[in-house]
Amino acid sequence: MTQTTSSLRIDIGICTFRRPELKAALLSLAMVDVPQNVRLRVIIADNDQTPSAQPLVNALLPNLPWPVTYVHCPAGNISIARNACLDTSDADFLAFIDDDETATESWLAQLLTIAQQTKADAVLGPVRAGYQDSAPEWMRKGDFHSTFPVFVKGEIRTGYTCNVLLDLRSAHLSGRRFNLALGKTGGEDTEYFTHIHRSGGTIAYAPEALLYEAVPNPRARFDWLAKRRYRMGQTHGRLVAEGAGTLGKIKSLIITAAKAAFCFIAALLVVFAPIRRNRFVLRGVLHVGALSGILGFREIHQYGALEAVSP
């Protein structure tokens, strides 16, 4: 049965781990436009060993117009935190944003509008990166950190949790949880949305549902981007190999190796054009990661350490 906006409940989940930027994220939510008679709540899932974010959350409560539920869900495994949001939520929709992002006023309304128009099981929004002046020029001009969905033959086949609205009433989401085995490596969100699509669910895009994310100096480096692309490739390769027989894996290995070789050769041909060169190299690194994923190599860890807590 279709619900009207006058009876909808929406939870916003934020998974956090020792990040002071959580303050700006929460204060931005205080300014979000919410459709009339929609009830909103914020869920904070603290993934630290100790409840380190609780004092910050408590101090901000007088400034927040929405109810806030704090959940301590240790430790250092992002899937535990994401699942805590799912387990705590009893709303019709659950939105996820990262603890270092800030919301625009129309963010939530845009996600909800697209969800109601498309009846999609999940709706993704864009995340626009903000660079410091100290970031390399090629990185700022090429915008290597912003996040957008990937369309394949006109549809979105996977997604991310840094800007998404989930329809918790959907049969394709019922009982679905993030893989704990990927909670330290990352890629748990890619797997989650891939399985939604494979089960027959649909993923839509709300281009005006904008979030902003500042890029700190430790992430404004080529090696950080390369490590991220490699891990993304590992996840993709593992998903490609799921259910594939020996011949299917061999075919995928050959195609992926050819793509990697093409990217690295193309990078050599544009070696003096840093934006294009680095795009090709990073794409090649992604394909190398996919090779390792198809072969079943262990995925690198990205969670559980302070310097690498964000996907």
C-alpha atoms as a PDB file:
ATOM      1  CA  MET A   1       0.000   0.000   0.000  1.00  0.00           C
ATOM      2  CA  THR A   2       1.362   3.411  -0.933  1.00  0.00           C
ATOM      3  CA  GLN A   3       1.816   5.845   1.954  1.00  0.00           C
ATOM      4  CA  THR A   4       1.365   9.573   1.647  1.00  0.00           C
ATOM      5  CA  THR A   5       4.110  11.929   2.757  1.00  0.00           C
ATOM      6  CA  SER A   6       1.896  12.982   5.660  1.00  0.00           C
ATOM      7  CA  SER A   7       2.442   9.609   7.335  1.00  0.00           C
ATOM      8  CA  LEU A   8       6.067   8.887   6.441  1.00  0.00           C
ATOM      9  CA  ARG A   9       8.876   8.423   8.938  1.00  0.00           C
ATOM     10  CA  ILE A  10      12.491   8.860   7.893  1.00  0.00           C
ATOM     11  CA  ASP A  11      15.617   8.010   9.871  1.00  0.00           C
ATOM     12  CA  ILE A  12      19.037   9.398   8.961  1.00  0.00           C
ATOM     13  CA  GLY A  13      21.919   7.102   9.883  1.00  0.00           C
ATOM     14  CA  ILE A  14      25.446   8.387  10.487  1.00  0.00           C
ATOM     15  CA  CYS A  15      28.224   5.913  11.240  1.00  0.00           C
ATOM     16  CA  THR A  16      31.121   7.567  13.051  1.00  0.00           C
ATOM     17  CA  PHE A  17      34.599   6.742  14.338  1.00  0.00           C
ATOM     18  CA  ARG A  18      36.591   9.422  16.218  1.00  0.00           C
ATOM     19  CA  ARG A  19      35.782  12.160  13.770  1.00  0.00           C
ATOM     20  CA  PRO A  20      35.219  15.758  14.968  1.00  0.00           C
ATOM     21  CA  GLU A  21      33.640  16.601  11.589  1.00  0.00           C
ATOM     22  CA  LEU A  22      30.548  14.861  12.957  1.00  0.00           C
ATOM     23  CA  LYS A  23      29.608  18.196  14.537  1.00  0.00           C
ATOM     24  CA  ALA A  24      29.330  19.952  11.175  1.00  0.00           C
ATOM     25  CA  ALA A  25      27.411  17.008   9.732  1.00  0.00           C
ATOM     26  CA  LEU A  26      24.818  17.123  12.507  1.00  0.00           C
ATOM     27  CA  LEU A  27      24.443  20.897  12.407  1.00  0.00           C
ATOM     28  CA  SER A  28      23.869  20.750   8.642  1.00  0.00           C
ATOM     29  CA  LEU A  29      21.011  18.304   9.238  1.00  0.00           C
ATOM     30  CA  ALA A  30      19.397  20.891  11.500  1.00  0.00           C
ATOM     31  CA  MET A  31      18.927  23.061   8.393  1.00  0.00           C
ATOM     32  CA  VAL A  32      17.523  20.360   6.111  1.00  0.00           C
ATOM     33  CA  ASP A  33      14.111  20.965   4.563  1.00  0.00           C
ATOM     34  CA  VAL A  34      11.679  18.215   5.479  1.00  0.00           C
ATOM     35  CA  PRO A  35       8.331  17.745   3.688  1.00  0.00           C
ATOM     36  CA  GLN A  36       5.348  18.681   5.809  1.00  0.00           C
ATOM     37  CA  ASN A  37       4.266  16.066   8.356  1.00  0.00           C
ATOM     38  CA  VAL A  38       7.249  13.820   7.665  1.00  0.00           C
ATOM     39  CA  ARG A  39       8.726  12.680  10.970  1.00  0.00           C
ATOM     40  CA  LEU A  40      12.507  12.698  11.095  1.00  0.00           C
ATOM     41  CA  ARG A  41      15.039  11.108  13.448  1.00  0.00           C
ATOM     42  CA  VAL A  42      18.835  10.903  13.409  1.00  0.00           C
ATOM     43  CA  ILE A  43      20.663   7.706  14.409  1.00  0.00           C
ATOM     44  CA  ILE A  44      24.337   7.977  15.415  1.00  0.00           C
ATOM     45  CA  ALA A  45      26.204   4.657  15.290  1.00  0.00           C
ATOM     46  CA  ASP A  46      29.518   5.059  17.140  1.00  0.00           C
ATOM     47  CA  ASN A  47      31.972   2.416  15.923  1.00  0.00           C
ATOM     48  CA  ASP A  48      34.768   3.248  18.389  1.00  0.00           C
ATOM     49  CA  GLN A  49      35.790   0.875  21.197  1.00  0.00           C
ATOM     50  CA  THR A  50      34.610   3.426  23.740  1.00  0.00           C
ATOM     51  CA  PRO A  51      31.552   5.724  23.285  1.00  0.00           C
ATOM     52  CA  SER A  52      33.831   8.597  22.262  1.00  0.00           C
ATOM     53  CA  ALA A  53      31.238  10.450  20.155  1.00  0.00           C
ATOM     54  CA  GLN A  54      28.582  10.570  22.871  1.00  0.00           C
ATOM     55  CA  PRO A  55      29.783  13.795  24.577  1.00  0.00           C
ATOM     56  CA  LEU A  56      29.783  15.631  21.242  1.00  0.00           C
ATOM     57  CA  VAL A  57      26.307  14.348  20.387  1.00  0.00           C
ATOM     58  CA  ASN A  58      24.934  15.255  23.816  1.00  0.00           C
ATOM     59  CA  ALA A  59      26.383  18.773  23.581  1.00  0.00           C
ATOM     60  CA  LEU A  60      24.644  19.337  20.237  1.00  0.00           C
ATOM     61  CA  LEU A  61      21.204  18.054  21.229  1.00  0.00           C
ATOM     62  CA  PRO A  62      19.862  21.539  22.143  1.00  0.00           C
ATOM     63  CA  ASN A  63      20.740  22.745  18.635  1.00  0.00           C
ATOM     64  CA  LEU A  64      19.032  19.898  16.772  1.00  0.00           C
ATOM     65  CA  PRO A  65      15.322  20.049  15.925  1.00  0.00           C
ATOM     66  CA  TRP A  66      15.060  16.298  15.357  1.00  0.00           C
ATOM     67  CA  PRO A  67      15.186  13.433  17.876  1.00  0.00           C
ATOM     68  CA  VAL A  68      18.609  11.784  18.041  1.00  0.00           C
ATOM     69  CA  THR A  69      19.287   8.152  18.971  1.00  0.00           C
ATOM     70  CA  TYR A  70      22.868   7.328  19.937  1.00  0.00           C
ATOM     71  CA  VAL A  71      24.021   3.717  19.527  1.00  0.00           C
ATOM     72  CA  HIS A  72      27.421   2.457  20.675  1.00  0.00           C
ATOM     73  CA  CYS A  73      28.391  -0.415  18.368  1.00  0.00           C
ATOM     74  CA  PRO A  74      32.094  -1.292  18.741  1.00  0.00           C
ATOM     75  CA  ALA A  75      34.483  -1.584  17.122  1.00  0.00           C
ATOM     76  CA  GLY A  76      36.437  -0.736  13.982  1.00  0.00           C
ATOM     77  CA  ASN A  77      34.099  -2.614  11.636  1.00  0.00           C
ATOM     78  CA  ILE A  78      31.936  -0.344   9.508  1.00  0.00           C
ATOM     79  CA  SER A  79      29.433  -3.112   8.726  1.00  0.00           C
ATOM     80  CA  ILE A  80      28.624  -3.381  12.438  1.00  0.00           C
ATOM     81  CA  ALA A  81      27.795   0.343  12.478  1.00  0.00           C
ATOM     82  CA  ARG A  82      25.730   0.228   9.278  1.00  0.00           C
ATOM     83  CA  ASN A  83      23.793  -2.779  10.561  1.00  0.00           C
ATOM     84  CA  ALA A  84      23.210  -0.987  13.875  1.00  0.00           C
ATOM     85  CA  CYS A  85      21.454   1.782  11.941  1.00  0.00           C
ATOM     86  CA  LEU A  86      19.335  -0.777  10.105  1.00  0.00           C
ATOM     87  CA  ASP A  87      18.499  -2.639  13.322  1.00  0.00           C
ATOM     88  CA  THR A  88      17.636   0.569  15.191  1.00  0.00           C
ATOM     89  CA  SER A  89      15.486   2.058  12.459  1.00  0.00           C
ATOM     90  CA  ASP A  90      11.755   1.383  12.496  1.00  0.00           C
ATOM     91  CA  ALA A  91      11.002   4.054   9.898  1.00  0.00           C
ATOM     92  CA  ASP A  92       9.711   3.793   6.335  1.00  0.00           C
ATOM     93  CA  PHE A  93      12.966   5.133   4.916  1.00  0.00           C
ATOM     94  CA  LEU A  94      16.555   5.169   6.148  1.00  0.00           C
ATOM     95  CA  ALA A  95      19.038   7.655   4.698  1.00  0.00           C
ATOM     96  CA  PHE A  96      22.792   7.303   5.128  1.00  0.00           C
ATOM     97  CA  ILE A  97      25.366  10.075   5.089  1.00  0.00           C
ATOM     98  CA  ASP A  98      29.012   9.977   6.202  1.00  0.00           C
ATOM     99  CA  ASP A  99      30.218  11.675   9.365  1.00  0.00           C
ATOM    100  CA  ASP A 100      32.453  14.056   7.398  1.00  0.00           C
ATOM    101  CA  GLU A 101      29.759  15.278   4.997  1.00  0.00           C
ATOM    102  CA  THR A 102      27.381  18.232   5.165  1.00  0.00           C
ATOM    103  CA  ALA A 103      23.882  18.332   3.732  1.00  0.00           C
ATOM    104  CA  THR A 104      22.301  20.973   1.536  1.00  0.00           C
ATOM    105  CA  GLU A 105      18.854  22.215   2.531  1.00  0.00           C
ATOM    106  CA  SER A 106      17.010  20.361  -0.231  1.00  0.00           C
ATOM    107  CA  TRP A 107      19.003  17.125   0.111  1.00  0.00           C
ATOM    108  CA  LEU A 108      16.434  14.936   1.854  1.00  0.00           C
ATOM    109  CA  ALA A 109      13.426  16.346   0.016  1.00  0.00           C
ATOM    110  CA  GLN A 110      15.118  15.627  -3.326  1.00  0.00           C
ATOM    111  CA  LEU A 111      15.854  12.021  -2.348  1.00  0.00           C
ATOM    112  CA  LEU A 112      12.287  11.489  -1.173  1.00  0.00           C
ATOM    113  CA  THR A 113      10.805  13.051  -4.299  1.00  0.00           C
ATOM    114  CA  ILE A 114      12.738  10.698  -6.583  1.00  0.00           C
ATOM    115  CA  ALA A 115      11.910   7.722  -4.345  1.00  0.00           C
ATOM    116  CA  GLN A 116       8.199   8.464  -4.633  1.00  0.00           C
ATOM    117  CA  GLN A 117       8.348   9.160  -8.352  1.00  0.00           C
ATOM    118  CA  THR A 118      10.349   6.046  -9.278  1.00  0.00           C
ATOM    119  CA  LYS A 119       9.255   3.626  -6.524  1.00  0.00           C
ATOM    120  CA  ALA A 120      12.913   2.590  -6.405  1.00  0.00           C
ATOM    121  CA  ASP A 121      14.246   0.467  -3.566  1.00  0.00           C
ATOM    122  CA  ALA A 122      17.200   2.835  -3.111  1.00  0.00           C
ATOM    123  CA  VAL A 123      17.943   6.361  -4.312  1.00  0.00           C
ATOM    124  CA  LEU A 124      21.498   7.686  -4.602  1.00  0.00           C
ATOM    125  CA  GLY A 125      22.595  11.307  -4.524  1.00  0.00           C
ATOM    126  CA  PRO A 126      25.874  12.981  -5.516  1.00  0.00           C
ATOM    127  CA  VAL A 127      28.671  13.928  -3.120  1.00  0.00           C
ATOM    128  CA  ARG A 128      30.699  16.951  -4.214  1.00  0.00           C
ATOM    129  CA  ALA A 129      34.305  17.115  -2.999  1.00  0.00           C
ATOM    130  CA  GLY A 130      35.767  20.319  -1.621  1.00  0.00           C
ATOM    131  CA  TYR A 131      39.540  20.695  -2.018  1.00  0.00           C
ATOM    132  CA  GLN A 132      41.997  22.728  -0.028  1.00  0.00           C
ATOM    133  CA  ASP A 133      44.377  25.016  -1.936  1.00  0.00           C
ATOM    134  CA  SER A 134      47.225  22.677  -0.976  1.00  0.00           C
ATOM    135  CA  ALA A 135      45.744  19.822  -3.026  1.00  0.00           C
ATOM    136  CA  PRO A 136      47.536  19.122  -6.344  1.00  0.00           C
ATOM    137  CA  GLU A 137      46.212  21.159  -9.241  1.00  0.00           C
ATOM    138  CA  TRP A 138      45.479  18.089 -11.359  1.00  0.00           C
ATOM    139  CA  MET A 139      43.401  16.667  -8.518  1.00  0.00           C
ATOM    140  CA  ARG A 140      41.366  19.844  -8.007  1.00  0.00           C
ATOM    141  CA  LYS A 141      40.753  20.409 -11.715  1.00  0.00           C
ATOM    142  CA  GLY A 142      40.000  16.749 -12.392  1.00  0.00           C
ATOM    143  CA  ASP A 143      37.780  16.376  -9.300  1.00  0.00           C
ATOM    144  CA  PHE A 144      38.960  12.871  -8.407  1.00  0.00           C
ATOM    145  CA  HIS A 145      37.100  12.595  -5.084  1.00  0.00           C
ATOM    146  CA  SER A 146      33.479  13.449  -5.876  1.00  0.00           C
ATOM    147  CA  THR A 147      31.032  10.535  -5.871  1.00  0.00           C
ATOM    148  CA  PHE A 148      28.397   9.800  -8.500  1.00  0.00           C
ATOM    149  CA  PRO A 149      26.566   6.596  -9.475  1.00  0.00           C
ATOM    150  CA  VAL A 150      27.737   4.528 -12.434  1.00  0.00           C
ATOM    151  CA  PHE A 151      25.180   3.748 -15.116  1.00  0.00           C
ATOM    152  CA  VAL A 152      25.555   0.502 -17.091  1.00  0.00           C
ATOM    153  CA  LYS A 153      23.248   0.168 -20.087  1.00  0.00           C
ATOM    154  CA  GLY A 154      20.963   2.810 -18.633  1.00  0.00           C
ATOM    155  CA  GLU A 155      20.639   1.366 -15.123  1.00  0.00           C
ATOM    156  CA  ILE A 156      22.464   1.587 -11.805  1.00  0.00           C
ATOM    157  CA  ARG A 157      23.671  -1.840 -10.703  1.00  0.00           C
ATOM    158  CA  THR A 158      25.380  -0.981  -7.432  1.00  0.00           C
ATOM    159  CA  GLY A 159      25.652   1.935  -5.032  1.00  0.00           C
ATOM    160  CA  TYR A 160      27.205   3.538  -1.984  1.00  0.00           C
ATOM    161  CA  THR A 161      26.191   4.622   1.512  1.00  0.00           C
ATOM    162  CA  CYS A 162      27.666   8.132   1.550  1.00  0.00           C
ATOM    163  CA  ASN A 163      24.413   9.539   0.108  1.00  0.00           C
ATOM    164  CA  VAL A 164      21.457   7.198  -0.186  1.00  0.00           C
ATOM    165  CA  LEU A 165      17.816   6.760   0.806  1.00  0.00           C
ATOM    166  CA  LEU A 166      16.651   3.183   1.421  1.00  0.00           C
ATOM    167  CA  ASP A 167      13.003   2.144   1.259  1.00  0.00           C
ATOM    168  CA  LEU A 168      12.862  -0.177   4.265  1.00  0.00           C
ATOM    169  CA  ARG A 169       9.379  -1.346   3.223  1.00  0.00           C
ATOM    170  CA  SER A 170      10.863  -3.040   0.153  1.00  0.00           C
ATOM    171  CA  ALA A 171      10.941  -6.829  -0.017  1.00  0.00           C
ATOM    172  CA  HIS A 172      14.382  -6.527  -1.621  1.00  0.00           C
ATOM    173  CA  LEU A 173      15.726  -4.895   1.555  1.00  0.00           C
ATOM    174  CA  SER A 174      13.849  -6.942   4.127  1.00  0.00           C
ATOM    175  CA  GLY A 175      16.353  -8.658   6.428  1.00  0.00           C
ATOM    176  CA  ARG A 176      19.293  -7.593   4.268  1.00  0.00           C
ATOM    177  CA  ARG A 177      22.421  -6.591   6.176  1.00  0.00           C
ATOM    178  CA  PHE A 178      25.960  -5.479   5.405  1.00  0.00           C
ATOM    179  CA  ASN A 179      28.585  -8.212   5.267  1.00  0.00           C
ATOM    180  CA  LEU A 180      30.620  -8.254   8.495  1.00  0.00           C
ATOM    181  CA  ALA A 181      33.511  -9.936   6.681  1.00  0.00           C
ATOM    182  CA  LEU A 182      33.946  -6.741   4.623  1.00  0.00           C
ATOM    183  CA  GLY A 183      33.653  -4.389   7.581  1.00  0.00           C
ATOM    184  CA  LYS A 184      37.401  -3.756   7.784  1.00  0.00           C
ATOM    185  CA  THR A 185      38.233  -3.842   4.083  1.00  0.00           C
ATOM    186  CA  GLY A 186      35.430  -1.719   2.682  1.00  0.00           C
ATOM    187  CA  GLY A 187      33.277  -2.707  -0.260  1.00  0.00           C
ATOM    188  CA  GLU A 188      30.443  -3.776   2.021  1.00  0.00           C
ATOM    189  CA  ASP A 189      28.197  -1.127   0.471  1.00  0.00           C
ATOM    190  CA  THR A 190      29.065  -2.176  -3.087  1.00  0.00           C
ATOM    191  CA  GLU A 191      28.143  -5.758  -2.248  1.00  0.00           C
ATOM    192  CA  TYR A 192      24.946  -4.678  -0.470  1.00  0.00           C
ATOM    193  CA  PHE A 193      23.615  -2.702  -3.421  1.00  0.00           C
ATOM    194  CA  THR A 194      24.808  -5.223  -5.989  1.00  0.00           C
ATOM    195  CA  HIS A 195      22.767  -7.902  -4.257  1.00  0.00           C
ATOM    196  CA  ILE A 196      19.737  -5.595  -4.144  1.00  0.00           C
ATOM    197  CA  HIS A 197      19.992  -5.207  -7.927  1.00  0.00           C
ATOM    198  CA  ARG A 198      20.601  -8.902  -8.515  1.00  0.00           C
ATOM    199  CA  SER A 199      17.516  -9.748  -6.463  1.00  0.00           C
ATOM    200  CA  GLY A 200      15.378  -7.600  -8.781  1.00  0.00           C
ATOM    201  CA  GLY A 201      15.526  -4.329  -6.866  1.00  0.00           C
ATOM    202  CA  THR A 202      15.972  -0.962  -8.535  1.00  0.00           C
ATOM    203  CA  ILE A 203      18.345   1.891  -7.747  1.00  0.00           C
ATOM    204  CA  ALA A 204      17.504   5.447  -8.831  1.00  0.00           C
ATOM    205  CA  TYR A 205      19.455   8.716  -8.874  1.00  0.00           C
ATOM    206  CA  ALA A 206      18.523  12.123  -7.486  1.00  0.00           C
ATOM    207  CA  PRO A 207      21.039  14.542  -9.067  1.00  0.00           C
ATOM    208  CA  GLU A 208      19.880  17.501  -6.945  1.00  0.00           C
ATOM    209  CA  ALA A 209      20.191  15.648  -3.609  1.00  0.00           C
ATOM    210  CA  LEU A 210      23.632  17.122  -2.970  1.00  0.00           C
ATOM    211  CA  LEU A 211      26.039  16.537  -0.101  1.00  0.00           C
ATOM    212  CA  TYR A 212      29.461  18.134   0.349  1.00  0.00           C
ATOM    213  CA  GLU A 213      32.628  16.471   1.614  1.00  0.00           C
ATOM    214  CA  ALA A 214      35.878  18.257   2.391  1.00  0.00           C
ATOM    215  CA  VAL A 215      39.023  16.456   1.257  1.00  0.00           C
ATOM    216  CA  PRO A 216      41.627  16.567   4.057  1.00  0.00           C
ATOM    217  CA  ASN A 217      45.343  16.589   3.228  1.00  0.00           C
ATOM    218  CA  PRO A 218      45.910  12.867   3.951  1.00  0.00           C
ATOM    219  CA  ARG A 219      43.404  12.011   1.213  1.00  0.00           C
ATOM    220  CA  ALA A 220      44.658  14.577  -1.270  1.00  0.00           C
ATOM    221  CA  ARG A 221      47.391  12.235  -2.465  1.00  0.00           C
ATOM    222  CA  PHE A 222      47.749   9.954  -5.447  1.00  0.00           C
ATOM    223  CA  ASP A 223      48.605   6.942  -3.267  1.00  0.00           C
ATOM    224  CA  TRP A 224      45.362   7.343  -1.283  1.00  0.00           C
ATOM    225  CA  LEU A 225      43.362   7.386  -4.509  1.00  0.00           C
ATOM    226  CA  ALA A 226      45.278   4.374  -5.838  1.00  0.00           C
ATOM    227  CA  LYS A 227      44.660   2.351  -2.675  1.00  0.00           C
ATOM    228  CA  ARG A 228      40.959   3.216  -2.833  1.00  0.00           C
ATOM    229  CA  ARG A 229      40.681   2.257  -6.509  1.00  0.00           C
ATOM    230  CA  TYR A 230      42.530  -1.021  -5.899  1.00  0.00           C
ATOM    231  CA  ARG A 231      40.148  -1.955  -3.086  1.00  0.00           C
ATOM    232  CA  MET A 232      37.145  -1.008  -5.219  1.00  0.00           C
ATOM    233  CA  GLY A 233      38.503  -3.254  -7.942  1.00  0.00           C
ATOM    234  CA  GLN A 234      38.945  -6.118  -5.495  1.00  0.00           C
ATOM    235  CA  THR A 235      35.303  -5.879  -4.466  1.00  0.00           C
ATOM    236  CA  HIS A 236      34.135  -5.706  -8.081  1.00  0.00           C
ATOM    237  CA  GLY A 237      36.273  -8.691  -9.041  1.00  0.00           C
ATOM    238  CA  ARG A 238      34.973 -10.779  -6.161  1.00  0.00           C
ATOM    239  CA  LEU A 239      31.378  -9.972  -7.115  1.00  0.00           C
ATOM    240  CA  VAL A 240      32.078 -10.837 -10.761  1.00  0.00           C
ATOM    241  CA  ALA A 241      33.490 -14.200  -9.646  1.00  0.00           C
ATOM    242  CA  GLU A 242      30.461 -15.015  -7.473  1.00  0.00           C
ATOM    243  CA  GLY A 243      28.695 -17.986  -8.986  1.00  0.00           C
ATOM    244  CA  ALA A 244      30.951 -18.005 -12.055  1.00  0.00           C
ATOM    245  CA  GLY A 245      32.426 -21.312 -13.124  1.00  0.00           C
ATOM    246  CA  THR A 246      36.057 -21.881 -14.047  1.00  0.00           C
ATOM    247  CA  LEU A 247      35.554 -20.849 -17.671  1.00  0.00           C
ATOM    248  CA  GLY A 248      33.670 -17.734 -16.611  1.00  0.00           C
ATOM    249  CA  LYS A 249      36.487 -16.719 -14.284  1.00  0.00           C
ATOM    250  CA  ILE A 250      39.103 -17.291 -16.968  1.00  0.00           C
ATOM    251  CA  LYS A 251      37.127 -15.152 -19.418  1.00  0.00           C
ATOM    252  CA  SER A 252      36.800 -12.387 -16.816  1.00  0.00           C
ATOM    253  CA  LEU A 253      40.525 -12.552 -16.059  1.00  0.00           C
ATOM    254  CA  ILE A 254      41.446 -12.174 -19.729  1.00  0.00           C
ATOM    255  CA  ILE A 255      39.060  -9.253 -20.274  1.00  0.00           C
ATOM    256  CA  THR A 256      40.131  -7.499 -17.065  1.00  0.00           C
ATOM    257  CA  ALA A 257      43.842  -7.961 -17.810  1.00  0.00           C
ATOM    258  CA  ALA A 258      43.301  -6.479 -21.275  1.00  0.00           C
ATOM    259  CA  LYS A 259      41.508  -3.480 -19.777  1.00  0.00           C
ATOM    260  CA  ALA A 260      44.344  -2.926 -17.293  1.00  0.00           C
ATOM    261  CA  ALA A 261      46.955  -3.114 -20.047  1.00  0.00           C
ATOM    262  CA  PHE A 262      44.994  -0.668 -22.201  1.00  0.00           C
ATOM    263  CA  CYS A 263      44.753   1.834 -19.348  1.00  0.00           C
ATOM    264  CA  PHE A 264      48.474   1.752 -18.560  1.00  0.00           C
ATOM    265  CA  ILE A 265      49.445   2.055 -22.230  1.00  0.00           C
ATOM    266  CA  ALA A 266      47.009   4.945 -22.651  1.00  0.00           C
ATOM    267  CA  ALA A 267      48.573   6.627 -19.611  1.00  0.00           C
ATOM    268  CA  LEU A 268      51.984   6.454 -21.279  1.00  0.00           C
ATOM    269  CA  LEU A 269      50.588   8.099 -24.401  1.00  0.00           C
ATOM    270  CA  VAL A 270      49.314  11.094 -22.375  1.00  0.00           C
ATOM    271  CA  VAL A 271      52.122  11.152 -19.825  1.00  0.00           C
ATOM    272  CA  PHE A 272      52.453  14.956 -20.027  1.00  0.00           C
ATOM    273  CA  ALA A 273      48.705  15.546 -19.425  1.00  0.00           C
ATOM    274  CA  PRO A 274      48.415  14.893 -15.665  1.00  0.00           C
ATOM    275  CA  ILE A 275      44.633  14.753 -15.390  1.00  0.00           C
ATOM    276  CA  ARG A 276      44.168  12.267 -18.240  1.00  0.00           C
ATOM    277  CA  ARG A 277      47.310  10.330 -17.289  1.00  0.00           C
ATOM    278  CA  ASN A 278      46.242   9.880 -13.685  1.00  0.00           C
ATOM    279  CA  ARG A 279      42.709   8.917 -14.688  1.00  0.00           C
ATOM    280  CA  PHE A 280      44.096   6.143 -16.874  1.00  0.00           C
ATOM    281  CA  VAL A 281      46.550   4.970 -14.209  1.00  0.00           C
ATOM    282  CA  LEU A 282      43.895   4.880 -11.510  1.00  0.00           C
ATOM    283  CA  ARG A 283      41.542   3.046 -13.846  1.00  0.00           C
ATOM    284  CA  GLY A 284      44.313   0.549 -14.512  1.00  0.00           C
ATOM    285  CA  VAL A 285      44.873   0.117 -10.772  1.00  0.00           C
ATOM    286  CA  LEU A 286      41.151  -0.579 -10.383  1.00  0.00           C
ATOM    287  CA  HIS A 287      41.382  -3.342 -12.999  1.00  0.00           C
ATOM    288  CA  VAL A 288      44.450  -4.809 -11.278  1.00  0.00           C
ATOM    289  CA  GLY A 289      42.420  -4.874  -8.084  1.00  0.00           C
ATOM    290  CA  ALA A 290      39.624  -6.621  -9.980  1.00  0.00           C
ATOM    291  CA  LEU A 291      42.112  -9.267 -11.119  1.00  0.00           C
ATOM    292  CA  SER A 292      43.071  -9.943  -7.514  1.00  0.00           C
ATOM    293  CA  GLY A 293      39.400 -10.104  -6.538  1.00  0.00           C
ATOM    294  CA  ILE A 294      38.587 -12.626  -9.271  1.00  0.00           C
ATOM    295  CA  LEU A 295      41.566 -14.723  -8.134  1.00  0.00           C
ATOM    296  CA  GLY A 296      40.302 -14.613  -4.565  1.00  0.00           C
ATOM    297  CA  PHE A 297      43.131 -12.639  -2.987  1.00  0.00           C
ATOM    298  CA  ARG A 298      42.403 -11.190   0.433  1.00  0.00           C
ATOM    299  CA  GLU A 299      41.067  -7.641   0.333  1.00  0.00           C
ATOM    300  CA  ILE A 300      43.125  -4.879   1.942  1.00  0.00           C
ATOM    301  CA  HIS A 301      41.923  -3.386   5.237  1.00  0.00           C
ATOM    302  CA  GLN A 302      40.644   0.174   5.349  1.00  0.00           C
ATOM    303  CA  TYR A 303      38.704   0.245   8.620  1.00  0.00           C
ATOM    304  CA  GLY A 304      39.623  -0.106  12.250  1.00  0.00           C
ATOM    305  CA  ALA A 305      42.455   2.468  12.134  1.00  0.00           C
ATOM    306  CA  LEU A 306      42.035   6.161  12.769  1.00  0.00           C
ATOM    307  CA  GLU A 307      43.816   7.178   9.597  1.00  0.00           C
ATOM    308  CA  ALA A 308      41.640   4.998   7.376  1.00  0.00           C
ATOM    309  CA  VAL A 309      38.163   4.939   8.760  1.00  0.00           C
ATOM    310  CA  SER A 310      36.205   6.315   5.848  1.00  0.00           C
ATOM    311  CA  PRO A 311      35.255   4.378   2.688  1.00  0.00           C
END
